[in-house]
Amino acid sequence: MLFNSSIFAGFVLIVFALYYLPALRRFQVELLIVASCVFYAYGQPLLLLLLLSAACTSTLASLAILNGRRPRAYATAGVVANLSVLGFFKYNTLIYETLIADVATISGPAETLLYLPLPVGISFYTFQGISLVVDTYRFGDLHTRRPPASRSFRDTVFYIIFFPQLVAGPIVKAHNFVPQIKEKLINQIDWDLVLRNLIVGYFFKMVVADNLAQQTFYIRYPVFQAIGSFDLVLLLFAYSVQIFADFAGYSMIALGVAAAFGYRIPVNFNRPYIATSIADFWRRWHISLSSFLREYLYIPLGGNRKGAARTYLNLLIVMGLGGLWHGAAWNYAVWGLWHGVGLALERPFLNTRFFRTANPFIVSIRMLFVFAFATAGWLLFVLHDMSHVALYFESIWTNTHIAPSGRRVLVILFFSAPVILYHFVPPVRERLRPYAQPVLGALLAAIILSGGTSDAFIYFQF
């Protein structure tokens, strides 16, 4: 069930109306569990069994940690179970193709297993299962008051399958979410937070990302070979804006819907394209994933506490695995290593005058470099064959004789402008606060009048 569909809008309105009925107030969590199951089962009903199995496995592991004599063993088993589910369903084809030269020779049950469909959201809900298990091991009971086992089971399942962030995040840490589980009242809703995130989120997705998607189609092989050098660079810029608008838009919608039901989930983006270092970029881009990898992988590996060489190795491991988390193909691992190498190379210089100065010119140079670095990396999300990536950059160098398309330039700049403003307006937002309602009204009108072709969210494939 896509967020940008009328079915989802009707679904949320029905659940919202039932959720705040006084007669059903005692059963709010149960209602959201049922609603989350309906949301996930829409379109792929059989995969609901996998989701519930994974959620129950993590929940049982967390309860065993609290009540068992060997909490470390139960924690290890819970983490391994989640990683096994993720590995089996997401990486089976990659492993086969890497280890077996000719996958065409595979037949029978092995062929069936090889081409199992990728469950939507599996990368996200397995990570939340890991968070539940690890946080329970580290902090003990995550509730403010320890409830009966039946309610604890209910709450932890609810944490994993809560529908606003189920299929594409943000990744919510158990120790931040579980304590929020309690009865909610309609007069406690922060309507400013809800409406602002829903309107801006849908605007980014339906107006910016979906319209830019009609242009960035030309990045694909072999179409890009007939495009001029200027347009090839512009299309990379457009895709950089598109992927931000698409994923940040989804995250804002998820935040707004969750807030309507009384739950706070983390902000996932903080103007990443004005980052002044690659490390700064990862403090601003997909914040829930970068903080998850830092807390549950980088620090347990030793972080920066075991010398420079180990620090650089840890950066490469974390970013390489973070890249593979995005997709079961080696181009995603290369994308992760691209950022890992960038982080490693800049690290010795972060305390130098170049990185610490507030000189506007130097800060601008750093921002442009980081944006160009991140934008070049996004090409690996579109072109999965490394030879095609090389050919794209070669075409930028050789296709100078092909004139730019004036219409393409205008369309891309027009639909990119809101994202550019979003990145640079916030420092003066207090002065703009009186104009917030008219601006939101204009964005709502644009959603109704100028929405592009409805496309699935980019991060649904991950």
Protein backbone atom coordinates (compact mmCIF):
# COMPACT_ATOMS: atom_id res chain seq x y z
CA MET A 1 0.00 0.00 0.00
CA LEU A 2 1.75 3.12 -1.25
CA PHE A 3 1.71 6.28 0.85
CA ASN A 4 0.92 8.28 -2.29
CA SER A 5 -2.33 6.43 -3.04
CA SER A 6 -5.98 7.21 -2.30
CA ILE A 7 -6.31 3.77 -0.70
CA PHE A 8 -3.71 4.69 1.91
CA ALA A 9 -5.44 8.01 2.63
CA GLY A 10 -8.75 6.23 3.22
CA PHE A 11 -7.03 3.55 5.30
CA VAL A 12 -5.39 6.11 7.61
CA LEU A 13 -8.61 8.08 8.06
CA ILE A 14 -10.56 4.94 9.05
CA VAL A 15 -7.87 3.77 11.48
CA PHE A 16 -7.56 7.29 12.94
CA ALA A 17 -11.34 7.52 13.53
CA LEU A 18 -11.43 4.13 15.28
CA TYR A 19 -8.22 4.80 17.22
CA TYR A 20 -9.61 7.78 19.13
CA LEU A 21 -13.09 6.39 19.80
CA PRO A 22 -13.55 6.44 23.60
CA ALA A 23 -14.97 2.91 23.51
CA LEU A 24 -11.81 1.56 21.83
CA ARG A 25 -9.25 3.61 23.75
CA ARG A 26 -8.13 0.60 25.81
CA PHE A 27 -7.36 -1.29 22.62
CA GLN A 28 -5.36 1.32 20.73
CA VAL A 29 -2.22 -0.81 20.46
CA GLU A 30 -4.19 -3.88 19.35
CA LEU A 31 -5.96 -1.76 16.73
CA LEU A 32 -2.65 -0.49 15.34
CA ILE A 33 -1.26 -4.04 15.25
CA VAL A 34 -4.25 -5.16 13.18
CA ALA A 35 -4.00 -2.06 10.98
CA SER A 36 -0.28 -2.68 10.44
CA CYS A 37 -1.00 -6.25 9.38
CA VAL A 38 -3.64 -5.06 6.91
CA PHE A 39 -1.26 -2.39 5.58
CA TYR A 40 1.56 -4.87 5.05
CA ALA A 41 -0.61 -7.68 3.68
CA TYR A 42 -2.11 -5.42 1.01
CA GLY A 43 -0.57 -6.68 -2.23
CA GLN A 44 1.64 -9.37 -0.63
CA PRO A 45 -0.56 -11.24 1.89
CA LEU A 46 1.68 -14.33 2.17
CA LEU A 47 4.66 -12.23 3.22
CA LEU A 48 2.73 -11.12 6.30
CA LEU A 49 3.57 -14.53 7.78
CA LEU A 50 7.28 -13.76 7.41
CA LEU A 51 6.87 -10.35 9.05
CA LEU A 52 4.94 -11.77 12.00
CA SER A 53 7.39 -14.66 12.37
CA ALA A 54 10.35 -12.26 12.42
CA ALA A 55 8.59 -9.94 14.88
CA CYS A 56 7.63 -12.80 17.20
CA THR A 57 11.13 -14.28 17.07
CA SER A 58 12.70 -10.97 18.13
CA THR A 59 10.04 -10.49 20.79
CA LEU A 60 10.55 -13.96 22.26
CA ALA A 61 14.31 -13.43 22.25
CA SER A 62 13.88 -10.14 24.15
CA LEU A 63 11.60 -11.81 26.73
CA ALA A 64 14.07 -14.66 27.11
CA ILE A 65 16.85 -12.14 27.74
CA LEU A 66 14.80 -10.61 30.57
CA ASN A 67 13.75 -13.88 32.14
CA GLY A 68 16.47 -16.36 31.17
CA ARG A 69 19.72 -17.35 32.83
CA ARG A 70 21.86 -16.82 29.74
CA PRO A 71 20.90 -13.42 28.36
CA ARG A 72 23.99 -13.12 26.15
CA ALA A 73 23.19 -16.41 24.41
CA TYR A 74 19.58 -15.33 23.78
CA ALA A 75 20.74 -11.94 22.50
CA THR A 76 23.18 -13.59 20.12
CA ALA A 77 20.48 -15.99 18.91
CA GLY A 78 18.06 -13.10 18.32
CA VAL A 79 20.59 -11.12 16.29
CA VAL A 80 21.61 -14.19 14.27
CA ALA A 81 17.96 -15.03 13.58
CA ASN A 82 17.29 -11.55 12.18
CA LEU A 83 20.45 -11.53 10.08
CA SER A 84 19.63 -15.02 8.79
CA VAL A 85 16.19 -13.93 7.62
CA LEU A 86 17.66 -10.86 5.96
CA GLY A 87 20.47 -12.84 4.36
CA PHE A 88 18.26 -15.65 3.09
CA PHE A 89 15.61 -13.50 1.46
CA LYS A 90 17.76 -10.58 0.30
CA TYR A 91 21.18 -11.96 -0.50
CA ASN A 92 20.54 -15.51 -1.73
CA THR A 93 20.75 -14.52 -5.40
CA LEU A 94 23.92 -12.45 -4.86
CA ILE A 95 25.60 -15.37 -3.08
CA TYR A 96 24.58 -17.82 -5.81
CA GLU A 97 25.76 -15.51 -8.59
CA THR A 98 29.05 -14.87 -6.80
CA LEU A 99 29.83 -18.51 -5.99
CA ILE A 100 28.28 -20.21 -9.02
CA ALA A 101 29.41 -18.98 -12.43
CA ASP A 102 26.34 -20.12 -14.37
CA VAL A 103 23.09 -19.71 -12.42
CA ALA A 104 21.20 -20.98 -15.48
CA THR A 105 22.26 -24.49 -14.52
CA ILE A 106 20.27 -24.31 -11.26
CA SER A 107 16.89 -26.04 -11.33
CA GLY A 108 14.29 -27.60 -9.05
CA PRO A 109 13.87 -26.41 -5.43
CA ALA A 110 17.14 -24.46 -5.55
CA GLU A 111 15.80 -22.41 -8.47
CA THR A 112 12.61 -21.67 -6.54
CA LEU A 113 14.60 -20.47 -3.54
CA LEU A 114 16.87 -18.41 -5.79
CA TYR A 115 14.01 -16.35 -7.20
CA LEU A 116 11.93 -15.80 -4.08
CA PRO A 117 10.44 -12.30 -4.07
CA LEU A 118 12.16 -9.73 -1.85
CA PRO A 119 9.78 -8.96 1.04
CA VAL A 120 8.99 -5.25 1.21
CA GLY A 121 10.66 -3.53 4.16
CA ILE A 122 12.71 -6.56 5.26
CA SER A 123 15.87 -4.43 5.61
CA PHE A 124 14.05 -2.14 8.02
CA TYR A 125 12.06 -4.51 10.21
CA THR A 126 14.97 -6.92 10.70
CA PHE A 127 17.14 -4.01 11.86
CA GLN A 128 14.42 -3.02 14.31
CA GLY A 129 14.33 -6.61 15.52
CA ILE A 130 18.08 -6.39 16.14
CA SER A 131 17.58 -3.11 18.00
CA LEU A 132 14.93 -4.71 20.22
CA VAL A 133 17.16 -7.65 21.12
CA VAL A 134 20.34 -5.62 21.68
CA ASP A 135 18.60 -2.83 23.62
CA THR A 136 16.88 -5.34 25.88
CA TYR A 137 20.25 -6.98 26.55
CA ARG A 138 21.91 -3.62 27.25
CA PHE A 139 19.17 -1.80 29.17
CA GLY A 140 16.87 -4.51 30.50
CA ASP A 141 13.12 -3.92 30.36
CA LEU A 142 12.40 -1.02 28.01
CA HIS A 143 9.04 -0.02 29.51
CA THR A 144 8.79 2.74 32.08
CA ARG A 145 7.12 0.16 34.31
CA ARG A 146 7.53 -3.52 33.70
CA PRO A 147 4.19 -4.88 32.40
CA PRO A 148 2.85 -8.44 32.44
CA ALA A 149 4.48 -10.74 29.90
CA SER A 150 1.41 -10.69 27.63
CA ARG A 151 1.46 -6.90 27.35
CA SER A 152 5.21 -6.87 26.92
CA PHE A 153 4.82 -9.34 24.03
CA ARG A 154 2.11 -7.15 22.49
CA ASP A 155 4.15 -3.96 22.81
CA THR A 156 7.34 -5.33 21.32
CA VAL A 157 5.51 -6.85 18.33
CA PHE A 158 3.79 -3.49 17.86
CA TYR A 159 7.15 -1.68 17.92
CA ILE A 160 8.45 -3.80 15.03
CA ILE A 161 5.36 -3.70 12.78
CA PHE A 162 4.01 -0.15 13.39
CA PHE A 163 2.93 0.68 9.84
CA PRO A 164 4.11 4.32 9.27
CA GLN A 165 7.78 3.29 9.35
CA LEU A 166 7.41 -0.40 8.51
CA VAL A 167 8.50 -0.58 4.88
CA ALA A 168 11.07 2.21 4.48
CA GLY A 169 11.90 3.56 7.90
CA PRO A 170 13.05 5.66 9.60
CA ILE A 171 14.71 2.92 11.62
CA VAL A 172 13.39 3.42 15.16
CA LYS A 173 15.47 2.21 18.09
CA ALA A 174 13.61 0.12 20.63
CA HIS A 175 14.76 2.13 23.65
CA ASN A 176 13.30 5.27 22.06
CA PHE A 177 9.95 3.82 20.97
CA VAL A 178 8.79 1.26 23.54
CA PRO A 179 8.56 3.76 26.43
CA GLN A 180 6.09 5.79 24.32
CA ILE A 181 3.54 2.97 24.25
CA LYS A 182 0.59 4.14 26.33
CA GLU A 183 -2.94 5.43 25.89
CA LYS A 184 -3.15 8.41 23.55
CA LEU A 185 -5.71 11.25 23.56
CA ILE A 186 -6.80 13.22 20.53
CA ASN A 187 -6.25 16.56 22.30
CA GLN A 188 -2.57 15.67 22.70
CA ILE A 189 -1.91 15.62 18.95
CA ASP A 190 0.68 18.13 17.74
CA TRP A 191 -1.25 19.19 14.64
CA ASP A 192 1.47 21.60 13.51
CA LEU A 193 3.97 18.71 13.42
CA VAL A 194 1.48 16.40 11.68
CA LEU A 195 0.32 18.79 8.95
CA ARG A 196 3.72 20.31 8.28
CA ASN A 197 5.35 16.92 7.74
CA LEU A 198 2.48 15.49 5.71
CA ILE A 199 2.19 18.47 3.36
CA VAL A 200 5.93 18.98 2.84
CA GLY A 201 6.49 15.22 2.58
CA TYR A 202 3.81 14.71 -0.06
CA PHE A 203 5.00 17.81 -1.92
CA PHE A 204 8.56 16.50 -2.06
CA LYS A 205 7.41 13.09 -3.26
CA MET A 206 4.54 13.85 -5.62
CA VAL A 207 5.60 17.23 -7.05
CA VAL A 208 9.40 17.21 -6.90
CA ALA A 209 10.52 13.56 -7.02
CA ASP A 210 7.84 12.19 -9.35
CA ASN A 211 8.27 15.02 -11.87
CA LEU A 212 12.06 14.75 -11.80
CA ALA A 213 11.76 10.99 -12.32
CA GLN A 214 10.43 11.70 -15.82
CA GLN A 215 13.76 13.40 -16.58
CA THR A 216 16.21 11.12 -14.75
CA PHE A 217 14.93 8.19 -16.80
CA TYR A 218 17.54 9.32 -19.35
CA ILE A 219 20.39 8.35 -17.02
CA ARG A 220 19.73 4.69 -17.77
CA TYR A 221 21.79 2.61 -20.18
CA PRO A 222 21.93 2.86 -23.17
CA VAL A 223 19.76 6.02 -23.31
CA PHE A 224 22.42 8.28 -21.79
CA GLN A 225 24.80 7.69 -24.71
CA ALA A 226 22.72 10.02 -26.89
CA ILE A 227 22.70 12.86 -24.29
CA GLY A 228 25.08 15.82 -24.35
CA SER A 229 27.76 16.44 -21.72
CA PHE A 230 26.00 19.36 -20.06
CA ASP A 231 22.73 17.44 -19.78
CA LEU A 232 24.50 14.35 -18.41
CA VAL A 233 25.89 16.42 -15.54
CA LEU A 234 22.52 18.13 -15.06
CA LEU A 235 20.75 14.75 -14.93
CA LEU A 236 23.08 13.62 -12.15
CA PHE A 237 22.19 16.78 -10.26
CA ALA A 238 18.49 16.06 -10.89
CA TYR A 239 18.78 12.51 -9.58
CA SER A 240 20.55 13.77 -6.47
CA VAL A 241 17.61 16.10 -5.84
CA GLN A 242 15.09 13.39 -6.74
CA ILE A 243 16.42 10.74 -4.37
CA PHE A 244 16.51 13.26 -1.54
CA ALA A 245 12.96 14.49 -2.24
CA ASP A 246 11.69 10.93 -2.60
CA PHE A 247 13.20 9.51 0.58
CA ALA A 248 12.98 12.63 2.73
CA GLY A 249 9.38 12.96 1.56
CA TYR A 250 8.61 9.41 2.65
CA SER A 251 10.29 9.96 6.00
CA MET A 252 8.30 13.15 6.62
CA ILE A 253 5.02 11.40 5.75
CA ALA A 254 5.92 8.56 8.12
CA LEU A 255 6.73 11.08 10.87
CA GLY A 256 3.46 12.95 10.30
CA VAL A 257 1.29 9.82 10.30
CA ALA A 258 3.03 8.45 13.40
CA ALA A 259 2.52 11.79 15.19
CA ALA A 260 -1.20 11.65 14.35
CA PHE A 261 -1.35 8.46 16.43
CA GLY A 262 0.69 9.99 19.24
CA TYR A 263 4.13 8.50 18.46
CA ARG A 264 7.37 10.30 17.75
CA ILE A 265 9.77 8.69 15.31
CA PRO A 266 13.16 10.23 14.48
CA VAL A 267 13.81 12.94 11.94
CA ASN A 268 15.71 11.24 9.12
CA PHE A 269 17.20 14.18 7.21
CA ASN A 270 18.77 17.49 8.19
CA ARG A 271 19.61 19.41 5.01
CA PRO A 272 22.30 16.92 3.89
CA TYR A 273 23.32 18.81 0.76
CA ILE A 274 24.81 21.68 2.73
CA ALA A 275 27.16 19.30 4.56
CA THR A 276 30.72 20.59 4.74
CA SER A 277 32.42 17.20 5.06
CA ILE A 278 31.55 13.61 4.21
CA ALA A 279 31.29 12.85 7.93
CA ASP A 280 28.88 15.79 8.23
CA PHE A 281 26.88 14.42 5.29
CA TRP A 282 26.31 11.17 7.17
CA ARG A 283 25.17 13.08 10.24
CA ARG A 284 22.50 14.63 8.02
CA TRP A 285 21.55 11.92 5.47
CA HIS A 286 19.41 8.89 6.47
CA ILE A 287 20.19 9.74 10.08
CA SER A 288 18.39 6.71 11.49
CA LEU A 289 20.55 4.30 9.44
CA SER A 290 23.86 6.08 10.08
CA SER A 291 23.15 6.24 13.83
CA PHE A 292 22.10 2.57 13.81
CA LEU A 293 25.33 1.52 12.07
CA ARG A 294 27.39 3.67 14.43
CA GLU A 295 25.70 2.37 17.60
CA TYR A 296 25.23 -1.29 16.69
CA LEU A 297 28.22 -1.95 14.39
CA TYR A 298 30.95 0.72 14.35
CA ILE A 299 31.25 1.08 18.13
CA PRO A 300 31.10 -2.71 18.82
CA LEU A 301 33.88 -3.15 16.22
CA GLY A 302 36.03 -0.80 18.28
CA GLY A 303 35.15 2.51 16.63
CA ASN A 304 38.13 4.85 16.80
CA ARG A 305 39.45 3.46 20.10
CA LYS A 306 41.99 0.98 18.71
CA GLY A 307 44.34 3.10 16.66
CA ALA A 308 44.24 4.81 13.28
CA ALA A 309 44.59 1.69 11.12
CA ARG A 310 41.74 -0.09 12.90
CA THR A 311 39.59 3.05 12.69
CA TYR A 312 40.01 3.20 8.90
CA LEU A 313 39.30 -0.51 8.59
CA ASN A 314 36.16 -0.13 10.72
CA LEU A 315 34.98 2.74 8.51
CA LEU A 316 35.41 0.61 5.38
CA ILE A 317 33.65 -2.39 6.93
CA VAL A 318 30.72 -0.34 8.21
CA MET A 319 30.23 1.62 5.00
CA GLY A 320 30.71 -1.44 2.80
CA LEU A 321 28.08 -3.36 4.77
CA GLY A 322 25.88 -0.24 4.84
CA GLY A 323 26.11 -0.16 1.06
CA LEU A 324 25.14 -3.84 0.78
CA TRP A 325 22.21 -3.17 3.12
CA HIS A 326 20.80 -0.93 0.38
CA GLY A 327 20.73 -3.71 -2.19
CA ALA A 328 21.88 -7.24 -2.94
CA ALA A 329 24.33 -6.26 -5.68
CA TRP A 330 28.01 -5.41 -5.68
CA ASN A 331 27.38 -1.92 -7.05
CA TYR A 332 25.80 -1.04 -3.69
CA ALA A 333 28.88 -2.34 -1.87
CA VAL A 334 31.03 -0.17 -4.16
CA TRP A 335 28.80 2.80 -3.32
CA GLY A 336 29.29 2.12 0.39
CA LEU A 337 33.06 1.78 -0.05
CA TRP A 338 33.07 5.01 -2.08
CA HIS A 339 31.80 6.79 1.02
CA GLY A 340 33.99 4.69 3.33
CA VAL A 341 37.15 5.68 1.44
CA GLY A 342 35.99 9.30 1.43
CA LEU A 343 35.49 9.21 5.21
CA ALA A 344 38.90 7.60 5.71
CA LEU A 345 40.74 10.05 3.45
CA GLU A 346 39.24 13.18 5.01
CA ARG A 347 39.53 12.01 8.62
CA PRO A 348 43.18 13.08 9.23
CA PHE A 349 42.34 16.59 8.00
CA LEU A 350 39.13 17.30 9.93
CA ASN A 351 40.99 19.27 12.58
CA THR A 352 43.00 21.33 10.11
CA ARG A 353 42.37 24.99 9.39
CA PHE A 354 40.65 24.17 6.07
CA PHE A 355 37.89 22.23 7.85
CA ARG A 356 37.65 24.43 10.93
CA THR A 357 37.56 27.85 9.32
CA ALA A 358 34.30 29.79 9.05
CA ASN A 359 35.45 31.61 5.92
CA PRO A 360 32.34 31.65 3.68
CA PHE A 361 34.35 31.01 0.50
CA ILE A 362 36.13 27.94 1.90
CA VAL A 363 32.90 26.64 3.47
CA SER A 364 31.21 26.98 0.08
CA ILE A 365 34.03 25.08 -1.62
CA ARG A 366 33.66 22.25 0.91
CA MET A 367 29.88 22.15 0.46
CA LEU A 368 30.21 21.96 -3.32
CA PHE A 369 32.81 19.20 -3.07
CA VAL A 370 30.68 17.08 -0.70
CA PHE A 371 27.61 17.57 -2.89
CA ALA A 372 29.56 16.57 -6.02
CA PHE A 373 31.04 13.57 -4.18
CA ALA A 374 27.61 12.35 -3.03
CA THR A 375 26.03 13.06 -6.42
CA ALA A 376 28.67 11.08 -8.30
CA GLY A 377 28.02 8.16 -5.97
CA TRP A 378 24.29 8.14 -6.70
CA LEU A 379 25.04 6.95 -10.24
CA LEU A 380 25.71 3.52 -8.70
CA PHE A 381 22.06 3.43 -7.60
CA VAL A 382 20.88 3.78 -11.20
CA LEU A 383 23.50 1.87 -13.19
CA HIS A 384 24.24 -1.52 -11.65
CA ASP A 385 26.93 -2.48 -14.18
CA MET A 386 30.29 -0.85 -13.42
CA SER A 387 31.13 -0.72 -17.13
CA HIS A 388 28.01 1.39 -17.67
CA VAL A 389 29.08 3.73 -14.86
CA ALA A 390 32.47 4.16 -16.53
CA LEU A 391 30.75 4.70 -19.89
CA TYR A 392 28.53 7.40 -18.37
CA PHE A 393 31.52 9.41 -17.16
CA GLU A 394 33.23 8.80 -20.50
CA SER A 395 30.13 10.19 -22.25
CA ILE A 396 30.35 13.34 -20.12
CA TRP A 397 33.86 13.79 -21.49
CA THR A 398 33.11 12.93 -25.14
CA ASN A 399 29.54 14.18 -25.82
CA THR A 400 30.43 17.87 -25.81
CA HIS A 401 29.23 18.18 -29.41
CA ILE A 402 25.60 17.47 -28.44
CA ALA A 403 23.73 20.67 -27.56
CA PRO A 404 21.87 20.94 -24.23
CA SER A 405 18.09 20.61 -24.18
CA GLY A 406 16.69 23.97 -23.09
CA ARG A 407 13.39 22.41 -22.01
CA ARG A 408 15.17 19.80 -19.87
CA VAL A 409 17.26 22.49 -18.18
CA LEU A 410 14.18 24.56 -17.32
CA VAL A 411 12.15 21.58 -16.06
CA ILE A 412 14.96 20.29 -13.83
CA LEU A 413 15.75 23.71 -12.38
CA PHE A 414 12.06 24.43 -11.78
CA PHE A 415 11.37 21.23 -9.85
CA SER A 416 14.73 21.35 -8.04
CA ALA A 417 14.16 24.86 -6.73
CA PRO A 418 12.01 23.78 -3.70
CA VAL A 419 14.75 21.43 -2.48
CA ILE A 420 17.39 24.15 -2.89
CA LEU A 421 15.19 26.56 -0.91
CA TYR A 422 14.56 23.89 1.74
CA HIS A 423 18.31 23.58 2.31
CA PHE A 424 19.01 27.31 2.58
CA VAL A 425 15.85 28.88 4.04
CA PRO A 426 15.77 27.21 7.52
CA PRO A 427 18.36 29.58 9.09
CA VAL A 428 15.84 32.43 8.69
CA ARG A 429 12.70 30.40 9.33
CA GLU A 430 11.76 32.45 12.43
CA ARG A 431 11.31 35.49 10.22
CA LEU A 432 9.23 33.40 7.82
CA ARG A 433 6.96 31.87 10.47
CA PRO A 434 4.05 34.30 9.82
CA TYR A 435 4.03 33.05 6.21
CA ALA A 436 4.01 29.35 7.11
CA GLN A 437 0.29 28.76 6.58
CA PRO A 438 0.12 30.44 3.14
CA VAL A 439 3.22 28.49 2.07
CA LEU A 440 1.72 25.18 3.23
CA GLY A 441 -1.48 26.09 1.42
CA ALA A 442 0.46 26.72 -1.79
CA LEU A 443 2.29 23.40 -1.41
CA LEU A 444 -1.04 21.60 -0.91
CA ALA A 445 -2.39 23.22 -4.08
CA ALA A 446 0.71 22.12 -5.97
CA ILE A 447 0.23 18.53 -4.76
CA ILE A 448 -3.32 18.55 -6.15
CA LEU A 449 -2.51 20.32 -9.42
CA SER A 450 1.06 19.39 -10.30
CA GLY A 451 1.72 15.90 -9.00
CA GLY A 452 3.80 13.81 -11.41
CA THR A 453 3.20 10.23 -12.45
CA SER A 454 2.68 8.25 -9.25
CA ASP A 455 5.78 6.12 -8.65
CA ALA A 456 6.77 3.78 -5.85
CA PHE A 457 9.23 5.22 -3.37
CA ILE A 458 12.87 4.57 -4.31
CA TYR A 459 13.75 3.05 -0.94
CA PHE A 460 10.95 0.45 -1.22
CA GLN A 461 13.42 -1.68 -3.22
CA PHE A 462 15.83 -1.77 -0.28
